[in-house]
Amino acid sequence: MHLGSFPQTRLRRLRRTPALRRMVQETVLTVNDFIYPLFVVHGKGVRREVPSMPGVYQLSVDEAVREAEEVAALGIPAVILFGIPAHKDPIGTENFDPEGIIPKAIRAIKQAVPDLVVITDVCMCEYTDHGHCGIVREGEVVNDETLEIYGKVAVTHAQAGADMVAPSGMMDGQVAAIRRALDEAGYAHIPIMAYAAKYASHFYGPFRDAAQSPPQFGDRRGYQMNPANVREALREVALDIAEGADIVMVKPALAYLDVIRAVREAFPVPVAAYNVSGEYAMVKAAAQRGWLDERAVTLEILTAIKRAGADLILTYHAKEVAQWLHNAR
């Protein structure tokens, strides 16, 4: 296909004015693209900033409701909840307690903002005393026993009113186990957003501060993916779709744009990408030192994630970007 040559073809013609550039812009970022993460803790009136994540807070349920109301007012369609329990134990009991922190938060948020989509993280690391994403036997995270716990967690969250569940533990068969548990409990209508390609990344550090979930021994490379692999990601995604995933996720996003693109080209399902805590913290730290224009760089990063193929972006920048986009109208 011949596309012309200079001087007949001058690509700068369509870059000459802001209006022309808007007319031919291929990727448009909107508030509908965003899912905003919230960290919920016990107590009342708690709004505790995460030191490594400026502008991100651990919130008691009442404060999480206020945050959810603000999110909805900005036009952001969804939040994803991460809970910090009152007590941790080997199997993360509070994770599937109907009176645990996340069911309480779900009920309160849905009562205050019924139309906001409430997604819940289904994992164990925040709730276990060892900080791993599954049951531990003799120093190993055991896969199949863990799946039963995930099913209980998903059902508990659905019973509390969650609109969607998001398994993030990277256990083999987790989507099938959760789908089966939801269906058997009468929640066949609840979709699953699977953390399908979740890498053993060093970009997660600030999240572990926020969620108080670092592993107490070893690391998570035995179940999260090797950052060097992309073909393996396609296998993970294919399996999750076959098991019933409605949306698949790539995590992290910025250093894995090629993975997002590969997933988008291979599968006809919605693709989410998690713009993770380390990516957020780097921009914030550089902006605080005057090294970067925070607004411009953040918009560039999120546009790149969408351009790579993400339909949904989980990002801690969501509220700020929603305000910037509104002011730019």
Foldseek 3Di string as FASTA:
>chain_A
DDPDDPPVDDPCVQVVDPVSCVVPDDFDDALQQEEEEAEEEDDPPAWAAQVLFPPHTHYHLVVVLVVLVLSVVLVNQEYEYAYAWPAAAQALVLLLDLPHRLLVSLLSNCVSPVRRQYEYEQFRQNRHPQLAGAHDDPRDHDAPVRLQVSLSNLCSNVVSPHQEYEYDRQGPPNLLSNCVSCVVSPNNVRAYEYQQQFAQDPLAVSVCSSSVRAGNDDGSPVRHDHPVDQVVSLVSVVSNVVSGHQEYEYPAQQVCLVSLLVNQVPDPHAYEHEVHSSNSSVLVVCVVVVNDDSLVVVVVRVSSSVVSPHSHYYDNCSSVNSVVVVVVD
